[in-house]
Amino acid sequence: MKKIGFIGAGSMAEAMVNGLLQSGLTAPGHIYMTNRSNDSRLEELQDTYGVKPCRDKEEFFSNTDIIVLAFKPKDAAESIENIREYVKDQLVISVIAGLTIHTIQHYFGRKLTIIRAMPNTSAAIQQSATGFSASPEASEAEIRMAKELLETIGEATLFEEKHLDAVTAIAGSGPAYVYRYVEAMEKAALQVGLPEETAKELILQTMAGATEMLRKSSKRPERLRKEITSPGGTTEAGLRALNERRFEEAIIHCITETAARSAEIKEQFAGSVLQKTDQS
């Protein structure tokens, strides 16, 4: 079994630990955890999952085959500075939003093998839609290994890195937009007289059923929509109301704005790297 070290112990790291253990891909004793300074958090994860908290850098890096960078983006430069002399030839998987492979390699000062992954919060229930990219140094075996690890928290798809801003917009932020839609449905259900708890279950099952139809049917969403839209009927009235409020335009604008913001954040980190390089 591969030994995996997590640097950062937040909710995404915990979701990945849980997925790894649920899948049987590795054992609790083969997972090392460290963070900046929160010992009680490391103890909590040890009590819950049986993983190994470790503050000794020599021990941590000499006992791990894969390193997962799971700290906050604002801590990236300092955190990597503190560990880069200890990292040898491990596969490095980053789940840090906004940091490109080039930026991560710059912080390390060399071209390590980097897998840049973008999981979403559904990783907590092993249902993440994760996009990931690999540095040119990654072998096919290392890409397969990373994919296998990421699939313990859901589905994982390899993309060219240039597509990760779009992946962020669709998969990374997407759950928030689904939750916002459900919020609106719940408010509407109350307005038309449904009890709150009944409405919630009805909405969730409706969404689950529609999603499963999209998965199992060979028909396009447009076709499925048309099949339940009778001329002059209730669905047509609802869709007309959505069109009047520019529903499709709002969704497209939402996604493009998210992708643009992801690109801006990426450029901010890249600019910070260049600035530090010029100063040094």
Protein backbone atom coordinates (compact mmCIF):
# COMPACT_ATOMS: atom_id res chain seq x y z
CA MET A 1 0.00 0.00 0.00
CA LYS A 2 1.16 3.51 -0.80
CA LYS A 3 1.91 5.81 2.12
CA ILE A 4 0.27 9.21 1.80
CA GLY A 5 1.09 12.44 3.62
CA PHE A 6 -1.42 15.29 3.95
CA ILE A 7 -0.10 18.79 4.55
CA GLY A 8 -3.20 20.58 5.76
CA ALA A 9 -5.99 19.00 7.77
CA GLY A 10 -9.14 20.85 6.76
CA SER A 11 -12.44 19.53 5.43
CA MET A 12 -11.08 18.55 2.00
CA ALA A 13 -8.16 16.64 3.52
CA GLU A 14 -10.58 14.85 5.84
CA ALA A 15 -12.89 13.98 2.95
CA MET A 16 -9.96 12.48 1.05
CA VAL A 17 -8.79 10.52 4.10
CA ASN A 18 -12.30 9.12 4.56
CA GLY A 19 -12.51 8.18 0.89
CA LEU A 20 -9.13 6.48 0.92
CA LEU A 21 -10.04 4.40 3.95
CA GLN A 22 -13.56 3.57 2.72
CA SER A 23 -12.10 2.33 -0.58
CA GLY A 24 -9.39 0.24 1.07
CA LEU A 25 -6.78 1.91 -1.14
CA THR A 26 -4.56 2.36 1.90
CA ALA A 27 -4.61 1.74 5.65
CA PRO A 28 -4.93 4.28 8.49
CA GLY A 29 -1.35 3.64 9.58
CA HIS A 30 -0.13 4.59 6.12
CA ILE A 31 -1.67 8.07 6.24
CA TYR A 32 0.41 10.84 7.80
CA MET A 33 -1.18 14.18 8.71
CA THR A 34 0.34 17.53 9.54
CA ASN A 35 -0.79 21.14 9.56
CA ARG A 36 0.49 24.55 10.51
CA SER A 37 -0.11 24.49 14.27
CA ASN A 38 -3.50 22.99 15.18
CA ASP A 39 -2.58 19.93 17.27
CA SER A 40 -6.14 19.38 18.49
CA ARG A 41 -7.31 19.00 14.87
CA LEU A 42 -4.65 16.37 14.21
CA GLU A 43 -5.67 14.53 17.38
CA GLU A 44 -9.31 14.65 16.26
CA LEU A 45 -8.42 13.03 12.92
CA GLN A 46 -6.29 10.44 14.66
CA ASP A 47 -9.16 9.53 17.01
CA THR A 48 -11.67 9.38 14.15
CA TYR A 49 -9.66 7.60 11.45
CA GLY A 50 -6.57 6.16 13.11
CA VAL A 51 -4.20 8.23 10.96
CA LYS A 52 -0.75 9.33 12.13
CA PRO A 53 -0.22 12.95 13.21
CA CYS A 54 3.38 13.94 12.52
CA ARG A 55 5.29 17.13 13.22
CA ASP A 56 8.76 15.75 12.45
CA LYS A 57 9.50 16.71 8.82
CA GLU A 58 12.21 14.08 8.36
CA GLU A 59 9.87 11.34 9.53
CA PHE A 60 6.93 12.69 7.53
CA PHE A 61 8.71 12.87 4.18
CA SER A 62 10.88 9.78 4.53
CA ASN A 63 7.75 7.69 5.16
CA THR A 64 5.48 8.93 2.37
CA ASP A 65 5.20 8.08 -1.33
CA ILE A 66 2.52 10.66 -2.17
CA ILE A 67 2.21 14.17 -0.76
CA VAL A 68 -1.16 15.98 -0.81
CA LEU A 69 -0.99 19.76 -0.53
CA ALA A 70 -4.25 20.74 1.16
CA PHE A 71 -3.54 24.07 2.82
CA LYS A 72 -5.08 27.46 2.03
CA PRO A 73 -3.89 29.33 -1.08
CA LYS A 74 -2.71 32.32 0.96
CA ASP A 75 -0.35 30.02 2.90
CA ALA A 76 1.15 28.38 -0.19
CA ALA A 77 4.43 30.25 -0.50
CA GLU A 78 5.32 30.00 3.19
CA SER A 79 4.15 26.40 3.56
CA ILE A 80 6.11 25.16 0.55
CA GLU A 81 9.17 27.14 1.67
CA ASN A 82 9.03 25.21 4.97
CA ILE A 83 8.95 21.78 3.34
CA ARG A 84 10.72 22.00 0.01
CA GLU A 85 14.12 20.78 1.23
CA TYR A 86 12.48 17.63 2.61
CA VAL A 87 10.50 16.67 -0.51
CA LYS A 88 12.39 14.15 -2.61
CA ASP A 89 10.83 12.27 -5.52
CA GLN A 90 7.30 11.87 -4.17
CA LEU A 91 4.26 12.42 -6.34
CA VAL A 92 2.77 15.76 -5.27
CA ILE A 93 -1.00 16.20 -5.52
CA SER A 94 -2.29 19.73 -4.98
CA VAL A 95 -5.92 20.53 -4.14
CA ILE A 96 -5.10 24.22 -3.62
CA ALA A 97 -7.46 26.46 -5.58
CA GLY A 98 -5.83 28.93 -7.93
CA LEU A 99 -2.27 27.58 -7.89
CA THR A 100 -1.06 26.41 -11.29
CA ILE A 101 1.43 23.62 -11.77
CA HIS A 102 4.00 26.20 -12.86
CA THR A 103 3.46 28.26 -9.69
CA ILE A 104 3.76 25.23 -7.44
CA GLN A 105 6.96 24.12 -9.18
CA HIS A 106 8.32 27.66 -8.84
CA TYR A 107 7.70 27.61 -5.09
CA PHE A 108 9.51 24.27 -4.85
CA GLY A 109 12.35 25.58 -6.99
CA ARG A 110 12.35 22.55 -9.30
CA LYS A 111 10.16 20.58 -11.67
CA LEU A 112 8.62 18.02 -9.35
CA THR A 113 5.88 15.75 -10.64
CA ILE A 114 2.68 17.66 -9.84
CA ILE A 115 -0.95 16.64 -10.11
CA ARG A 116 -3.25 19.64 -9.78
CA ALA A 117 -6.76 18.58 -8.75
CA MET A 118 -10.02 20.47 -8.31
CA PRO A 119 -12.40 18.42 -6.13
CA ASN A 120 -15.69 19.86 -4.88
CA THR A 121 -17.39 19.71 -1.50
CA SER A 122 -19.33 16.57 -2.43
CA ALA A 123 -16.05 14.79 -1.73
CA ALA A 124 -17.37 14.62 1.85
CA ILE A 125 -19.84 11.94 0.70
CA GLN A 126 -17.57 10.42 -1.97
CA GLN A 127 -19.54 12.13 -4.75
CA SER A 128 -17.07 14.77 -5.95
CA ALA A 129 -16.77 15.70 -9.61
CA THR A 130 -13.01 16.22 -9.76
CA GLY A 131 -11.03 17.59 -12.66
CA PHE A 132 -7.26 17.15 -12.57
CA SER A 133 -4.20 17.94 -14.64
CA ALA A 134 -0.69 16.52 -14.66
CA SER A 135 2.68 18.18 -15.14
CA PRO A 136 4.77 17.00 -18.12
CA GLU A 137 7.01 15.12 -15.68
CA ALA A 138 4.17 12.75 -14.68
CA SER A 139 4.36 9.22 -16.03
CA GLU A 140 1.29 7.28 -17.13
CA ALA A 141 1.63 5.17 -13.98
CA GLU A 142 1.66 8.28 -11.79
CA ILE A 143 -1.41 9.69 -13.57
CA ARG A 144 -3.22 6.39 -13.05
CA MET A 145 -2.20 6.40 -9.39
CA ALA A 146 -3.51 9.96 -8.93
CA LYS A 147 -6.77 9.11 -10.70
CA GLU A 148 -7.25 6.05 -8.49
CA LEU A 149 -6.69 8.15 -5.38
CA LEU A 150 -9.05 10.92 -6.53
CA GLU A 151 -11.73 8.39 -7.46
CA THR A 152 -12.00 7.41 -3.80
CA ILE A 153 -13.94 10.69 -3.34
CA GLY A 154 -16.06 10.51 -6.50
CA GLU A 155 -15.43 10.71 -10.24
CA ALA A 156 -12.12 12.07 -11.54
CA THR A 157 -11.40 13.24 -15.09
CA LEU A 158 -8.05 14.24 -16.60
CA PHE A 159 -8.03 17.63 -18.36
CA GLU A 160 -5.45 19.87 -19.93
CA GLU A 161 -4.62 22.46 -17.30
CA LYS A 162 -6.00 25.29 -19.44
CA HIS A 163 -9.49 23.85 -18.86
CA LEU A 164 -9.36 23.91 -15.06
CA ASP A 165 -10.92 27.38 -14.78
CA ALA A 166 -13.96 25.98 -16.59
CA VAL A 167 -13.89 22.89 -14.37
CA THR A 168 -13.90 25.20 -11.35
CA ALA A 169 -16.90 27.07 -12.72
CA ILE A 170 -18.93 23.93 -13.43
CA ALA A 171 -17.85 21.38 -10.84
CA GLY A 172 -16.05 23.34 -8.14
CA SER A 173 -18.66 26.06 -7.62
CA GLY A 174 -21.55 24.13 -9.15
CA PRO A 175 -22.87 22.61 -5.90
CA ALA A 176 -23.44 26.11 -4.52
CA TYR A 177 -25.62 26.95 -7.52
CA VAL A 178 -27.62 23.75 -7.10
CA TYR A 179 -28.14 24.56 -3.42
CA ARG A 180 -29.27 28.08 -4.37
CA TYR A 181 -31.78 26.60 -6.82
CA VAL A 182 -33.14 24.32 -4.10
CA GLU A 183 -33.45 27.32 -1.76
CA ALA A 184 -35.62 29.06 -4.35
CA MET A 185 -37.71 25.92 -4.94
CA GLU A 186 -38.33 25.57 -1.20
CA LYS A 187 -39.50 29.20 -0.92
CA ALA A 188 -41.79 28.72 -3.92
CA ALA A 189 -43.19 25.50 -2.44
CA LEU A 190 -44.15 27.35 0.73
CA GLN A 191 -45.81 30.08 -1.32
CA VAL A 192 -48.02 27.54 -3.10
CA GLY A 193 -49.00 25.94 0.20
CA LEU A 194 -46.80 22.85 0.68
CA PRO A 195 -45.55 21.98 4.19
CA GLU A 196 -41.82 22.64 4.55
CA GLU A 197 -40.65 19.06 5.24
CA THR A 198 -42.85 17.57 2.54
CA ALA A 199 -41.63 20.16 0.07
CA LYS A 200 -37.98 19.39 0.79
CA GLU A 201 -38.36 15.66 0.18
CA LEU A 202 -40.42 16.28 -2.97
CA ILE A 203 -37.79 18.66 -4.38
CA LEU A 204 -34.84 16.41 -3.58
CA GLN A 205 -36.47 13.33 -5.10
CA THR A 206 -37.48 15.31 -8.17
CA MET A 207 -33.87 16.43 -8.65
CA ALA A 208 -32.50 12.95 -7.98
CA GLY A 209 -34.92 11.42 -10.49
CA ALA A 210 -34.15 14.00 -13.17
CA THR A 211 -30.40 13.51 -12.67
CA GLU A 212 -30.78 9.74 -12.96
CA MET A 213 -32.81 10.17 -16.15
CA LEU A 214 -30.00 12.25 -17.62
CA ARG A 215 -27.49 9.57 -16.67
CA LYS A 216 -29.45 6.59 -17.98
CA SER A 217 -31.22 8.04 -21.01
CA SER A 218 -29.50 8.53 -24.35
CA LYS A 219 -31.75 11.56 -24.96
CA ARG A 220 -30.42 15.10 -24.77
CA PRO A 221 -31.71 17.38 -21.95
CA GLU A 222 -33.60 19.43 -24.56
CA ARG A 223 -35.47 16.32 -25.72
CA LEU A 224 -36.34 15.20 -22.19
CA ARG A 225 -37.60 18.69 -21.43
CA LYS A 226 -39.82 18.76 -24.51
CA GLU A 227 -41.31 15.34 -23.67
CA ILE A 228 -42.90 16.73 -20.50
CA THR A 229 -43.90 20.10 -21.97
CA SER A 230 -47.42 19.89 -23.36
CA PRO A 231 -48.71 22.87 -25.38
CA GLY A 232 -50.78 25.07 -23.10
CA GLY A 233 -49.89 22.94 -20.08
CA THR A 234 -48.41 23.62 -16.65
CA THR A 235 -44.76 22.94 -17.55
CA GLU A 236 -44.98 25.28 -20.52
CA ALA A 237 -46.28 28.02 -18.23
CA GLY A 238 -43.36 27.52 -15.86
CA LEU A 239 -40.77 27.47 -18.63
CA ARG A 240 -42.27 30.61 -20.11
CA ALA A 241 -41.83 32.32 -16.74
CA LEU A 242 -38.16 31.22 -16.66
CA ASN A 243 -37.61 32.56 -20.17
CA GLU A 244 -39.21 35.87 -19.24
CA ARG A 245 -36.74 36.18 -16.35
CA ARG A 246 -33.82 35.27 -18.66
CA PHE A 247 -33.07 32.04 -16.80
CA GLU A 248 -30.68 30.60 -19.41
CA GLU A 249 -28.78 33.88 -19.76
CA ALA A 250 -28.41 34.08 -15.97
CA ILE A 251 -26.97 30.56 -15.75
CA ILE A 252 -24.53 31.12 -18.61
CA HIS A 253 -23.46 34.45 -17.12
CA CYS A 254 -23.02 32.78 -13.72
CA ILE A 255 -20.68 30.14 -15.16
CA THR A 256 -18.65 32.52 -17.31
CA GLU A 257 -18.20 34.95 -14.40
CA THR A 258 -17.03 32.10 -12.17
CA ALA A 259 -14.53 30.91 -14.77
CA ALA A 260 -13.28 34.48 -15.24
CA ARG A 261 -12.80 34.92 -11.49
CA SER A 262 -10.92 31.62 -11.32
CA ALA A 263 -8.60 32.87 -14.07
CA GLU A 264 -8.11 36.17 -12.20
CA ILE A 265 -7.12 34.38 -8.99
CA LYS A 266 -4.70 32.20 -10.95
CA GLU A 267 -3.13 35.29 -12.52
CA GLN A 268 -2.84 36.99 -9.13
CA PHE A 269 -0.79 34.08 -7.81
CA ALA A 270 1.30 33.99 -10.99
CA GLY A 271 1.89 37.74 -10.72
CA SER A 272 2.96 37.38 -7.11
CA VAL A 273 5.47 34.72 -8.14
CA LEU A 274 6.92 36.94 -10.87
CA GLN A 275 7.15 39.89 -8.50
CA LYS A 276 9.08 37.86 -5.94
CA THR A 277 11.34 36.51 -8.68
CA ASP A 278 12.14 40.05 -9.88
CA GLN A 279 12.87 41.19 -6.32
CA SER A 280 15.24 38.28 -5.72
